Amino acid sequence: MAATATPATKLLVAQQVQHRVHEYAHDPRQSSFGTEAVDALGVPAEQVFKTLVVELSGGKLAVAILPVPAKLSLKSVAGAFAVAKAVMADPTKAQRTTGYVLGGISPLGQRRLLPTVLDSSALTWERMFCSAGRRRLEIELTPQDLAALTKAVIADVCAGQHS
């Protein structure tokens, strides 16, 4: 189990949150970590969530958690946080702030808790998957536990959804 210990999994253990860690082999030729996770887990793509770091008006970073196949609506993210604008964060700044590498950014166990929005579609699943904080590691947990631990706002943040 030590091989799968990350700040995210340590947080879940410390908070006594029921979860399961899934490890899979990473193909270095694969450019989409989310798609690779979906294929490895063998679950519907909409049940596996990616963690994207955005920069809000004023320069503050925030996190958006949405299904792997979905596209992020930056306008909806800005609305969820009641700010004028949101843009994708600089990758280097996202990694430095969260303490995770791209393709392995977990919404849990970041260096400091960032404002977080969880796409409302997560609530349609009994259990969902998100990054465990390392490439090729996914956490399976309830959306309610993820929302509670990240203090997430629940909103429709996928492009094409109606808020």
N, C-alpha and C. Protein backbone atom coordinates (compact mmCIF):
# COMPACT_ATOMS: atom_id res chain seq x y z
N MET A 1 0.83 -1.21 0.00
CA MET A 1 0.00 0.00 0.00
C MET A 1 0.86 1.26 0.00
N ALA A 2 2.10 1.16 0.50
CA ALA A 2 2.98 2.33 0.56
C ALA A 2 3.26 2.90 -0.82
N ALA A 3 3.29 2.04 -1.84
CA ALA A 3 3.56 2.49 -3.21
C ALA A 3 2.45 3.41 -3.72
N THR A 4 1.27 3.31 -3.15
CA THR A 4 0.15 4.14 -3.60
C THR A 4 -0.12 5.30 -2.64
N ALA A 5 0.76 5.51 -1.67
CA ALA A 5 0.56 6.60 -0.72
C ALA A 5 0.93 7.94 -1.39
N THR A 6 -0.02 8.84 -1.38
CA THR A 6 0.17 10.20 -1.89
C THR A 6 -0.49 11.13 -0.87
N PRO A 7 -0.28 12.43 -0.96
CA PRO A 7 -1.00 13.33 -0.05
C PRO A 7 -2.52 13.11 -0.12
N ALA A 8 -3.04 12.79 -1.30
CA ALA A 8 -4.49 12.56 -1.45
C ALA A 8 -4.93 11.31 -0.69
N THR A 9 -4.22 10.22 -0.86
CA THR A 9 -4.62 8.98 -0.17
C THR A 9 -4.39 9.09 1.33
N LYS A 10 -3.33 9.79 1.73
CA LYS A 10 -3.07 9.99 3.16
C LYS A 10 -4.20 10.79 3.81
N LEU A 11 -4.71 11.80 3.08
CA LEU A 11 -5.84 12.59 3.58
C LEU A 11 -7.06 11.71 3.79
N LEU A 12 -7.36 10.86 2.81
CA LEU A 12 -8.52 9.98 2.91
C LEU A 12 -8.40 9.02 4.10
N VAL A 13 -7.22 8.48 4.30
CA VAL A 13 -6.99 7.58 5.44
C VAL A 13 -7.14 8.36 6.75
N ALA A 14 -6.52 9.53 6.83
CA ALA A 14 -6.59 10.35 8.05
C ALA A 14 -8.02 10.74 8.38
N GLN A 15 -8.82 11.03 7.36
CA GLN A 15 -10.22 11.44 7.57
C GLN A 15 -11.17 10.23 7.65
N GLN A 16 -10.61 9.03 7.55
CA GLN A 16 -11.39 7.78 7.62
C GLN A 16 -12.50 7.74 6.58
N VAL A 17 -12.16 8.17 5.37
CA VAL A 17 -13.11 8.16 4.26
C VAL A 17 -12.93 6.85 3.49
N GLN A 18 -14.04 6.16 3.29
CA GLN A 18 -14.00 4.92 2.55
C GLN A 18 -13.63 5.22 1.09
N HIS A 19 -12.62 4.52 0.60
CA HIS A 19 -12.15 4.74 -0.77
C HIS A 19 -11.39 3.50 -1.24
N ARG A 20 -11.12 3.49 -2.51
CA ARG A 20 -10.32 2.42 -3.08
C ARG A 20 -9.35 3.04 -4.08
N VAL A 21 -8.10 2.60 -4.05
CA VAL A 21 -7.09 3.11 -4.97
C VAL A 21 -6.91 2.10 -6.09
N HIS A 22 -6.91 2.60 -7.32
CA HIS A 22 -6.72 1.76 -8.51
C HIS A 22 -5.41 2.18 -9.17
N GLU A 23 -4.54 1.22 -9.38
CA GLU A 23 -3.27 1.49 -10.05
C GLU A 23 -3.27 0.78 -11.39
N TYR A 24 -2.72 1.43 -12.40
CA TYR A 24 -2.65 0.82 -13.72
C TYR A 24 -1.35 1.23 -14.39
N ALA A 25 -0.96 0.48 -15.40
CA ALA A 25 0.27 0.76 -16.12
C ALA A 25 0.09 1.97 -17.02
N HIS A 26 1.07 2.85 -17.02
CA HIS A 26 1.02 4.05 -17.86
C HIS A 26 1.75 3.78 -19.17
N ASP A 27 1.12 4.13 -20.26
CA ASP A 27 1.74 4.03 -21.58
C ASP A 27 2.31 5.40 -21.92
N PRO A 28 3.63 5.56 -21.96
CA PRO A 28 4.23 6.88 -22.21
C PRO A 28 3.84 7.49 -23.55
N ARG A 29 3.33 6.68 -24.47
CA ARG A 29 2.89 7.20 -25.77
C ARG A 29 1.49 7.81 -25.68
N GLN A 30 0.78 7.52 -24.61
CA GLN A 30 -0.59 8.03 -24.43
C GLN A 30 -0.51 9.50 -24.00
N SER A 31 -1.18 10.38 -24.73
CA SER A 31 -1.11 11.81 -24.41
C SER A 31 -2.26 12.27 -23.52
N SER A 32 -3.32 11.47 -23.44
CA SER A 32 -4.45 11.85 -22.60
C SER A 32 -4.51 10.95 -21.37
N PHE A 33 -4.12 11.52 -20.24
CA PHE A 33 -4.12 10.74 -19.00
C PHE A 33 -5.53 10.32 -18.60
N GLY A 34 -6.51 11.17 -18.87
CA GLY A 34 -7.90 10.85 -18.55
C GLY A 34 -8.42 9.68 -19.35
N THR A 35 -8.18 9.70 -20.64
CA THR A 35 -8.62 8.60 -21.51
C THR A 35 -7.93 7.30 -21.11
N GLU A 36 -6.66 7.40 -20.78
CA GLU A 36 -5.91 6.22 -20.34
C GLU A 36 -6.53 5.64 -19.07
N ALA A 37 -6.92 6.50 -18.14
CA ALA A 37 -7.55 6.03 -16.90
C ALA A 37 -8.88 5.35 -17.19
N VAL A 38 -9.69 5.95 -18.05
CA VAL A 38 -10.98 5.36 -18.43
C VAL A 38 -10.77 3.96 -19.00
N ASP A 39 -9.84 3.84 -19.95
CA ASP A 39 -9.57 2.55 -20.58
C ASP A 39 -9.10 1.52 -19.56
N ALA A 40 -8.23 1.93 -18.65
CA ALA A 40 -7.68 1.02 -17.66
C ALA A 40 -8.72 0.58 -16.63
N LEU A 41 -9.61 1.49 -16.25
CA LEU A 41 -10.60 1.18 -15.23
C LEU A 41 -11.78 0.39 -15.78
N GLY A 42 -12.05 0.55 -17.07
CA GLY A 42 -13.16 -0.17 -17.67
C GLY A 42 -14.53 0.28 -17.18
N VAL A 43 -14.65 1.56 -16.89
CA VAL A 43 -15.92 2.14 -16.44
C VAL A 43 -16.35 3.20 -17.44
N PRO A 44 -17.61 3.66 -17.38
CA PRO A 44 -18.02 4.72 -18.29
C PRO A 44 -17.14 5.97 -18.15
N ALA A 45 -16.79 6.57 -19.26
CA ALA A 45 -15.92 7.75 -19.25
C ALA A 45 -16.48 8.87 -18.38
N GLU A 46 -17.80 8.99 -18.32
CA GLU A 46 -18.43 10.06 -17.54
C GLU A 46 -18.31 9.85 -16.03
N GLN A 47 -17.85 8.66 -15.62
CA GLN A 47 -17.69 8.34 -14.20
C GLN A 47 -16.27 8.67 -13.71
N VAL A 48 -15.37 8.95 -14.64
CA VAL A 48 -13.99 9.29 -14.31
C VAL A 48 -13.84 10.80 -14.49
N PHE A 49 -13.34 11.46 -13.46
CA PHE A 49 -13.28 12.92 -13.44
C PHE A 49 -11.85 13.42 -13.49
N LYS A 50 -11.68 14.51 -14.24
CA LYS A 50 -10.37 15.16 -14.33
C LYS A 50 -10.37 16.40 -13.45
N THR A 51 -9.18 16.78 -13.03
CA THR A 51 -9.00 17.94 -12.18
C THR A 51 -8.26 19.00 -12.98
N LEU A 52 -8.92 20.13 -13.23
CA LEU A 52 -8.31 21.22 -13.98
C LEU A 52 -8.13 22.43 -13.06
N VAL A 53 -6.98 23.06 -13.19
CA VAL A 53 -6.70 24.25 -12.38
C VAL A 53 -6.93 25.48 -13.26
N VAL A 54 -7.69 26.40 -12.72
CA VAL A 54 -8.02 27.63 -13.43
C VAL A 54 -7.55 28.83 -12.62
N GLU A 55 -7.41 29.95 -13.31
CA GLU A 55 -7.07 31.20 -12.65
C GLU A 55 -8.26 32.12 -12.75
N LEU A 56 -8.71 32.61 -11.61
CA LEU A 56 -9.88 33.48 -11.55
C LEU A 56 -9.45 34.94 -11.65
N SER A 57 -10.41 35.82 -11.93
CA SER A 57 -10.14 37.27 -11.94
C SER A 57 -9.40 37.61 -10.65
N GLY A 58 -8.36 38.39 -10.76
CA GLY A 58 -7.59 38.76 -9.57
C GLY A 58 -6.40 37.84 -9.34
N GLY A 59 -6.28 36.78 -10.12
CA GLY A 59 -5.10 35.93 -10.03
C GLY A 59 -5.18 34.73 -9.11
N LYS A 60 -6.29 34.57 -8.41
CA LYS A 60 -6.42 33.44 -7.49
C LYS A 60 -6.68 32.14 -8.27
N LEU A 61 -6.02 31.05 -7.87
CA LEU A 61 -6.24 29.77 -8.53
C LEU A 61 -7.42 29.05 -7.90
N ALA A 62 -8.06 28.21 -8.70
CA ALA A 62 -9.20 27.40 -8.25
C ALA A 62 -9.15 26.08 -9.02
N VAL A 63 -9.98 25.14 -8.59
CA VAL A 63 -10.02 23.81 -9.18
C VAL A 63 -11.42 23.53 -9.72
N ALA A 64 -11.45 22.93 -10.92
CA ALA A 64 -12.70 22.45 -11.50
C ALA A 64 -12.57 20.95 -11.71
N ILE A 65 -13.57 20.19 -11.25
CA ILE A 65 -13.57 18.74 -11.39
C ILE A 65 -14.74 18.38 -12.29
N LEU A 66 -14.44 17.72 -13.42
CA LEU A 66 -15.47 17.40 -14.40
C LEU A 66 -15.15 16.09 -15.10
N PRO A 67 -16.16 15.48 -15.74
CA PRO A 67 -15.93 14.20 -16.41
C PRO A 67 -14.87 14.29 -17.49
N VAL A 68 -14.08 13.23 -17.63
CA VAL A 68 -12.99 13.18 -18.61
C VAL A 68 -13.43 13.59 -20.02
N PRO A 69 -14.56 13.09 -20.56
CA PRO A 69 -14.88 13.46 -21.95
C PRO A 69 -15.43 14.86 -22.12
N ALA A 70 -15.76 15.54 -21.04
CA ALA A 70 -16.40 16.86 -21.13
C ALA A 70 -15.37 17.97 -21.33
N LYS A 71 -15.84 19.06 -21.89
CA LYS A 71 -15.02 20.27 -22.03
C LYS A 71 -15.47 21.26 -20.96
N LEU A 72 -14.51 21.95 -20.39
CA LEU A 72 -14.79 22.92 -19.35
C LEU A 72 -15.35 24.21 -19.92
N SER A 73 -16.41 24.72 -19.29
CA SER A 73 -16.93 26.04 -19.63
C SER A 73 -16.33 27.03 -18.64
N LEU A 74 -15.38 27.82 -19.11
CA LEU A 74 -14.74 28.79 -18.23
C LEU A 74 -15.75 29.84 -17.75
N LYS A 75 -16.72 30.15 -18.58
CA LYS A 75 -17.77 31.10 -18.19
C LYS A 75 -18.58 30.53 -17.02
N SER A 76 -18.89 29.24 -17.07
CA SER A 76 -19.65 28.61 -15.97
C SER A 76 -18.82 28.54 -14.69
N VAL A 77 -17.52 28.30 -14.84
CA VAL A 77 -16.64 28.28 -13.67
C VAL A 77 -16.62 29.66 -13.03
N ALA A 78 -16.48 30.70 -13.84
CA ALA A 78 -16.48 32.07 -13.31
C ALA A 78 -17.79 32.33 -12.57
N GLY A 79 -18.90 31.90 -13.16
CA GLY A 79 -20.20 32.07 -12.51
C GLY A 79 -20.29 31.32 -11.19
N ALA A 80 -19.75 30.12 -11.14
CA ALA A 80 -19.80 29.31 -9.91
C ALA A 80 -19.04 29.99 -8.77
N PHE A 81 -17.98 30.72 -9.13
CA PHE A 81 -17.18 31.41 -8.11
C PHE A 81 -17.53 32.89 -7.99
N ALA A 82 -18.56 33.33 -8.73
CA ALA A 82 -19.02 34.71 -8.70
C ALA A 82 -17.90 35.71 -9.00
N VAL A 83 -17.15 35.41 -10.06
CA VAL A 83 -16.10 36.33 -10.52
C VAL A 83 -16.36 36.65 -11.99
N ALA A 84 -15.70 37.67 -12.49
CA ALA A 84 -15.93 38.11 -13.86
C ALA A 84 -15.38 37.14 -14.90
N LYS A 85 -14.25 36.50 -14.59
CA LYS A 85 -13.59 35.71 -15.62
C LYS A 85 -12.77 34.59 -15.01
N ALA A 86 -12.64 33.49 -15.78
CA ALA A 86 -11.74 32.39 -15.42
C ALA A 86 -11.00 31.98 -16.68
N VAL A 87 -9.72 31.67 -16.54
CA VAL A 87 -8.91 31.16 -17.64
C VAL A 87 -8.14 29.94 -17.13
N MET A 88 -7.66 29.12 -18.05
CA MET A 88 -6.85 27.98 -17.63
C MET A 88 -5.58 28.52 -16.98
N ALA A 89 -5.18 27.90 -15.88
CA ALA A 89 -3.98 28.33 -15.16
C ALA A 89 -2.72 27.92 -15.93
N ASP A 90 -1.67 28.67 -15.74
CA ASP A 90 -0.37 28.31 -16.28
C ASP A 90 0.02 26.95 -15.69
N PRO A 91 0.40 25.98 -16.53
CA PRO A 91 0.72 24.64 -16.02
C PRO A 91 1.79 24.62 -14.93
N THR A 92 2.82 25.44 -15.07
CA THR A 92 3.88 25.48 -14.06
C THR A 92 3.34 25.99 -12.73
N LYS A 93 2.50 27.02 -12.80
CA LYS A 93 1.89 27.58 -11.59
C LYS A 93 0.94 26.57 -10.96
N ALA A 94 0.19 25.83 -11.78
CA ALA A 94 -0.73 24.81 -11.28
C ALA A 94 0.03 23.71 -10.54
N GLN A 95 1.14 23.27 -11.12
CA GLN A 95 1.93 22.22 -10.48
C GLN A 95 2.57 22.71 -9.17
N ARG A 96 3.12 23.91 -9.21
CA ARG A 96 3.78 24.47 -8.03
C ARG A 96 2.77 24.68 -6.89
N THR A 97 1.59 25.16 -7.22
CA THR A 97 0.58 25.45 -6.21
C THR A 97 -0.04 24.19 -5.61
N THR A 98 -0.32 23.19 -6.47
CA THR A 98 -0.97 21.97 -5.97
C THR A 98 0.00 20.97 -5.38
N GLY A 99 1.25 21.00 -5.84
CA GLY A 99 2.22 20.00 -5.41
C GLY A 99 2.16 18.72 -6.23
N TYR A 100 1.39 18.73 -7.29
CA TYR A 100 1.24 17.56 -8.16
C TYR A 100 1.71 17.89 -9.57
N VAL A 101 2.03 16.83 -10.35
CA VAL A 101 2.42 17.02 -11.74
C VAL A 101 1.18 16.93 -12.63
N LEU A 102 1.25 17.57 -13.81
CA LEU A 102 0.15 17.48 -14.77
C LEU A 102 -0.11 16.01 -15.10
N GLY A 103 -1.37 15.68 -15.22
CA GLY A 103 -1.74 14.29 -15.46
C GLY A 103 -1.89 13.52 -14.17
N GLY A 104 -1.55 14.17 -13.06
CA GLY A 104 -1.66 13.52 -11.75
C GLY A 104 -2.15 14.49 -10.69
N ILE A 105 -2.74 15.62 -11.11
CA ILE A 105 -3.24 16.58 -10.13
C ILE A 105 -4.53 16.04 -9.53
N SER A 106 -4.50 15.86 -8.23
CA SER A 106 -5.66 15.38 -7.49
C SER A 106 -6.39 16.58 -6.88
N PRO A 107 -7.71 16.47 -6.76
CA PRO A 107 -8.43 17.54 -6.06
C PRO A 107 -8.21 17.46 -4.55
N LEU A 108 -7.63 16.36 -4.09
CA LEU A 108 -7.41 16.11 -2.66
C LEU A 108 -5.93 16.22 -2.30
N GLY A 109 -5.65 16.69 -1.09
CA GLY A 109 -4.28 16.69 -0.59
C GLY A 109 -3.35 17.68 -1.26
N GLN A 110 -3.90 18.74 -1.80
CA GLN A 110 -3.06 19.77 -2.42
C GLN A 110 -2.32 20.53 -1.33
N ARG A 111 -1.26 21.23 -1.71
CA ARG A 111 -0.46 21.98 -0.73
C ARG A 111 -1.34 22.88 0.13
N ARG A 112 -2.31 23.51 -0.52
CA ARG A 112 -3.32 24.26 0.23
C ARG A 112 -4.63 24.10 -0.52
N LEU A 113 -5.70 24.06 0.23
CA LEU A 113 -7.02 23.84 -0.37
C LEU A 113 -7.41 25.04 -1.22
N LEU A 114 -7.61 24.78 -2.50
CA LEU A 114 -8.04 25.82 -3.43
C LEU A 114 -9.56 25.81 -3.54
N PRO A 115 -10.17 26.96 -3.84
CA PRO A 115 -11.61 26.96 -4.09
C PRO A 115 -11.89 25.91 -5.17
N THR A 116 -12.93 25.12 -4.98
CA THR A 116 -13.20 23.99 -5.87
C THR A 116 -14.65 23.97 -6.30
N VAL A 117 -14.85 23.63 -7.58
CA VAL A 117 -16.19 23.40 -8.10
C VAL A 117 -16.23 21.98 -8.66
N LEU A 118 -17.25 21.25 -8.29
CA LEU A 118 -17.47 19.88 -8.76
C LEU A 118 -18.66 19.90 -9.70
N ASP A 119 -18.46 19.38 -10.91
CA ASP A 119 -19.57 19.35 -11.85
C ASP A 119 -20.72 18.53 -11.27
N SER A 120 -21.92 19.04 -11.42
CA SER A 120 -23.11 18.42 -10.84
C SER A 120 -23.35 17.00 -11.33
N SER A 121 -22.81 16.65 -12.49
CA SER A 121 -23.01 15.29 -13.00
C SER A 121 -22.40 14.23 -12.09
N ALA A 122 -21.45 14.63 -11.24
CA ALA A 122 -20.84 13.68 -10.30
C ALA A 122 -21.90 13.07 -9.38
N LEU A 123 -22.92 13.85 -9.06
CA LEU A 123 -23.94 13.39 -8.13
C LEU A 123 -24.84 12.30 -8.71
N THR A 124 -24.72 12.05 -10.00
CA THR A 124 -25.51 10.97 -10.62
C THR A 124 -24.85 9.60 -10.39
N TRP A 125 -23.64 9.60 -9.88
CA TRP A 125 -22.90 8.36 -9.66
C TRP A 125 -22.87 8.01 -8.18
N GLU A 126 -23.00 6.73 -7.88
CA GLU A 126 -22.85 6.27 -6.51
C GLU A 126 -21.38 6.41 -6.08
N ARG A 127 -20.48 6.06 -7.02
CA ARG A 127 -19.04 6.19 -6.80
C ARG A 127 -18.43 6.80 -8.05
N MET A 128 -17.43 7.61 -7.85
CA MET A 128 -16.75 8.26 -8.96
C MET A 128 -15.25 8.03 -8.82
N PHE A 129 -14.51 8.39 -9.85
CA PHE A 129 -13.06 8.22 -9.85
C PHE A 129 -12.41 9.56 -10.11
N CYS A 130 -11.29 9.81 -9.44
CA CYS A 130 -10.49 11.00 -9.70
C CYS A 130 -9.04 10.66 -9.41
N SER A 131 -8.15 11.54 -9.80
CA SER A 131 -6.73 11.28 -9.62
C SER A 131 -6.37 11.14 -8.14
N ALA A 132 -5.48 10.18 -7.89
CA ALA A 132 -4.99 9.95 -6.53
C ALA A 132 -3.73 10.77 -6.27
N GLY A 133 -3.31 11.58 -7.24
CA GLY A 133 -2.15 12.44 -7.02
C GLY A 133 -0.88 11.95 -7.67
N ARG A 134 -1.02 10.98 -8.52
CA ARG A 134 0.12 10.46 -9.27
C ARG A 134 -0.42 9.89 -10.56
N ARG A 135 0.32 10.07 -11.64
CA ARG A 135 -0.09 9.45 -12.89
C ARG A 135 -0.20 7.95 -12.67
N ARG A 136 -1.22 7.35 -13.23
CA ARG A 136 -1.55 5.93 -13.16
C ARG A 136 -2.16 5.49 -11.83
N LEU A 137 -2.63 6.43 -11.03
CA LEU A 137 -3.33 6.13 -9.78
C LEU A 137 -4.65 6.88 -9.75
N GLU A 138 -5.73 6.15 -9.50
CA GLU A 138 -7.05 6.77 -9.40
C GLU A 138 -7.69 6.38 -8.06
N ILE A 139 -8.46 7.28 -7.51
CA ILE A 139 -9.21 7.03 -6.28
C ILE A 139 -10.67 6.83 -6.65
N GLU A 140 -11.29 5.82 -6.05
CA GLU A 140 -12.73 5.60 -6.19
C GLU A 140 -13.36 5.99 -4.86
N LEU A 141 -14.32 6.90 -4.90
CA LEU A 141 -14.99 7.36 -3.68
C LEU A 141 -16.36 7.92 -4.04
N THR A 142 -17.13 8.29 -3.04
CA THR A 142 -18.45 8.87 -3.33
C THR A 142 -18.27 10.35 -3.68
N PRO A 143 -19.13 10.87 -4.55
CA PRO A 143 -19.05 12.30 -4.87
C PRO A 143 -19.30 13.17 -3.64
N GLN A 144 -20.13 12.67 -2.73
CA GLN A 144 -20.42 13.44 -1.51
C GLN A 144 -19.16 13.59 -0.65
N ASP A 145 -18.36 12.51 -0.54
CA ASP A 145 -17.12 12.60 0.23
C ASP A 145 -16.13 13.55 -0.44
N LEU A 146 -16.03 13.47 -1.77
CA LEU A 146 -15.12 14.37 -2.48
C LEU A 146 -15.55 15.82 -2.28
N ALA A 147 -16.83 16.10 -2.41
CA ALA A 147 -17.34 17.46 -2.24
C ALA A 147 -17.08 17.97 -0.83
N ALA A 148 -17.29 17.13 0.17
CA ALA A 148 -17.08 17.54 1.56
C ALA A 148 -15.61 17.84 1.84
N LEU A 149 -14.72 16.97 1.39
CA LEU A 149 -13.29 17.15 1.66
C LEU A 149 -12.69 18.35 0.94
N THR A 150 -13.22 18.68 -0.22
CA THR A 150 -12.69 19.81 -0.98
C THR A 150 -13.50 21.10 -0.74
N LYS A 151 -14.57 20.99 0.04
CA LYS A 151 -15.48 22.12 0.29
C LYS A 151 -16.00 22.68 -1.03
N ALA A 152 -16.30 21.76 -1.96
CA ALA A 152 -16.66 22.15 -3.32
C ALA A 152 -18.05 22.76 -3.43
N VAL A 153 -18.14 23.70 -4.34
CA VAL A 153 -19.40 24.22 -4.83
C VAL A 153 -19.84 23.22 -5.90
N ILE A 154 -21.12 22.90 -5.95
CA ILE A 154 -21.64 22.00 -6.99
C ILE A 154 -22.30 22.86 -8.05
N ALA A 155 -21.87 22.71 -9.30
CA ALA A 155 -22.43 23.52 -10.38
C ALA A 155 -22.22 22.80 -11.71
N ASP A 156 -22.98 23.21 -12.72
CA ASP A 156 -22.78 22.71 -14.07
C ASP A 156 -21.64 23.49 -14.68
N VAL A 157 -20.50 22.85 -14.92
CA VAL A 157 -19.34 23.57 -15.45
C VAL A 157 -18.85 23.01 -16.79
N CYS A 158 -19.62 22.11 -17.36
CA CYS A 158 -19.23 21.55 -18.66
C CYS A 158 -19.84 22.38 -19.77
N ALA A 159 -19.07 22.58 -20.83
CA ALA A 159 -19.56 23.31 -22.00
C ALA A 159 -20.78 22.56 -22.55
N GLY A 160 -21.82 23.29 -22.90
CA GLY A 160 -23.02 22.68 -23.45
C GLY A 160 -24.08 22.40 -22.42
N GLN A 161 -23.76 22.53 -21.13
CA GLN A 161 -24.78 22.34 -20.08
C GLN A 161 -25.48 23.67 -19.88
N HIS A 162 -26.70 23.57 -19.41
CA HIS A 162 -27.46 24.79 -19.12
C HIS A 162 -27.46 25.03 -17.61
N SER A 163 -26.98 26.19 -17.19
CA SER A 163 -26.90 26.49 -15.77
C SER A 163 -28.22 26.99 -15.25
